Structure formats: structure tokens, C-alpha cells
Amino acid sequence: MAKCETCGKTTMFGHARSFSQRATNRTFRPNLQKVTIFENGRSIQKTMCAKCIRTMAKTK
């Protein structure tokens, strides 16, 4: 599923606006990546957004 396992960020919906300001539906997808991390001495594969990956690297 397209969801970050740490912050819960998912696909959001909005409008694409043309020059004439006509609104058509579009989706905003998060930058999700599969990452292998170590938790409690074990390696676990998680789906995380790029922001959470950066924050995790920053706190280590």
C-alpha cells in the first residue's frame, strides 16, 4: 500500500490548474522508498517517505 510506515503519509488529491484556471483532478503521491533499517538488533524492511529517511539519518 502507498503509505509511509512511520508518519502515515499517503496519496493526496487536488486539482491541476491550466492557464484558463480550469480544474482537473490529479494526485499528489509521496516519495516512498523501501529501506532496510535495524530495530532491536534485527534488520527490518520498511516503506518510508524520503522525509522520514532523512530525519532518521539525521538523528543517528
C-alpha atoms as a PDB file:
ATOM      1  CA  MET A   1       0.000   0.000   0.000  1.00  0.00           C
ATOM      2  CA  ALA A   2       1.203   3.522  -0.744  1.00  0.00           C
ATOM      3  CA  LYS A   3       1.692   4.641   2.849  1.00  0.00           C
ATOM      4  CA  CYS A   4       4.700   5.617   4.957  1.00  0.00           C
ATOM      5  CA  GLU A   5       5.059   3.228   7.900  1.00  0.00           C
ATOM      6  CA  THR A   6       6.403   5.898  10.268  1.00  0.00           C
ATOM      7  CA  CYS A   7       4.369   9.058   9.626  1.00  0.00           C
ATOM      8  CA  GLY A   8       1.384   7.624   7.718  1.00  0.00           C
ATOM      9  CA  LYS A   9       1.774   9.897   4.680  1.00  0.00           C
ATOM     10  CA  THR A  10      -0.472   8.725   1.812  1.00  0.00           C
ATOM     11  CA  THR A  11      -1.668   9.876  -1.595  1.00  0.00           C
ATOM     12  CA  MET A  12      -3.470  13.219  -1.533  1.00  0.00           C
ATOM     13  CA  PHE A  13      -5.884  14.600  -4.116  1.00  0.00           C
ATOM     14  CA  GLY A  14      -6.168  18.062  -5.608  1.00  0.00           C
ATOM     15  CA  HIS A  15      -6.551  19.918  -8.880  1.00  0.00           C
ATOM     16  CA  ALA A  16      -4.265  20.634 -11.811  1.00  0.00           C
ATOM     17  CA  ARG A  17      -4.833  24.206 -12.973  1.00  0.00           C
ATOM     18  CA  SER A  18      -4.412  25.174 -16.608  1.00  0.00           C
ATOM     19  CA  PHE A  19      -3.764  28.680 -17.920  1.00  0.00           C
ATOM     20  CA  SER A  20      -7.520  29.231 -18.135  1.00  0.00           C
ATOM     21  CA  GLN A  21      -7.818  28.100 -14.492  1.00  0.00           C
ATOM     22  CA  ARG A  22      -9.832  25.009 -15.463  1.00  0.00           C
ATOM     23  CA  ALA A  23      -9.546  22.479 -12.610  1.00  0.00           C
ATOM     24  CA  THR A  24      -8.901  18.824 -13.442  1.00  0.00           C
ATOM     25  CA  ASN A  25      -8.371  16.148 -10.833  1.00  0.00           C
ATOM     26  CA  ARG A  26      -4.853  14.944 -10.058  1.00  0.00           C
ATOM     27  CA  THR A  27      -2.995  13.036  -7.341  1.00  0.00           C
ATOM     28  CA  PHE A  28      -0.049  14.031  -5.193  1.00  0.00           C
ATOM     29  CA  ARG A  29       1.968  10.892  -4.414  1.00  0.00           C
ATOM     30  CA  PRO A  30       4.548  10.741  -1.604  1.00  0.00           C
ATOM     31  CA  ASN A  31       8.145   9.792  -2.402  1.00  0.00           C
ATOM     32  CA  LEU A  32       8.047   6.284  -0.899  1.00  0.00           C
ATOM     33  CA  GLN A  33      11.074   4.001  -0.859  1.00  0.00           C
ATOM     34  CA  LYS A  34      11.819   0.590   0.622  1.00  0.00           C
ATOM     35  CA  VAL A  35      14.555   0.873   3.249  1.00  0.00           C
ATOM     36  CA  THR A  36      16.291  -1.733   5.378  1.00  0.00           C
ATOM     37  CA  ILE A  37      16.811  -0.485   8.933  1.00  0.00           C
ATOM     38  CA  PHE A  38      17.975  -2.033  12.185  1.00  0.00           C
ATOM     39  CA  GLU A  39      15.458  -2.189  15.039  1.00  0.00           C
ATOM     40  CA  ASN A  40      16.121  -4.090  18.237  1.00  0.00           C
ATOM     41  CA  GLY A  41      19.201  -5.744  16.720  1.00  0.00           C
ATOM     42  CA  ARG A  42      17.342  -7.076  13.674  1.00  0.00           C
ATOM     43  CA  SER A  43      17.191  -5.786  10.115  1.00  0.00           C
ATOM     44  CA  ILE A  44      13.651  -4.891   9.014  1.00  0.00           C
ATOM     45  CA  GLN A  45      12.473  -3.709   5.614  1.00  0.00           C
ATOM     46  CA  LYS A  46      10.062  -0.770   5.779  1.00  0.00           C
ATOM     47  CA  THR A  47       8.348   1.513   3.289  1.00  0.00           C
ATOM     48  CA  MET A  48       9.183   5.086   4.274  1.00  0.00           C
ATOM     49  CA  CYS A  49       8.876   8.517   2.697  1.00  0.00           C
ATOM     50  CA  ALA A  50      12.042  10.431   1.806  1.00  0.00           C
ATOM     51  CA  LYS A  51      11.476  12.955   4.603  1.00  0.00           C
ATOM     52  CA  CYS A  52      11.369  10.235   7.267  1.00  0.00           C
ATOM     53  CA  ILE A  53      14.504   8.614   5.837  1.00  0.00           C
ATOM     54  CA  ARG A  54      16.350  11.942   6.042  1.00  0.00           C
ATOM     55  CA  THR A  55      15.125  12.582   9.581  1.00  0.00           C
ATOM     56  CA  MET A  56      16.161   9.089  10.688  1.00  0.00           C
ATOM     57  CA  ALA A  57      19.662   9.569   9.231  1.00  0.00           C
ATOM     58  CA  LYS A  58      19.902  12.968  10.918  1.00  0.00           C
ATOM     59  CA  THR A  59      19.136  11.629  14.414  1.00  0.00           C
ATOM     60  CA  LYS A  60      21.691   8.787  14.244  1.00  0.00           C
END
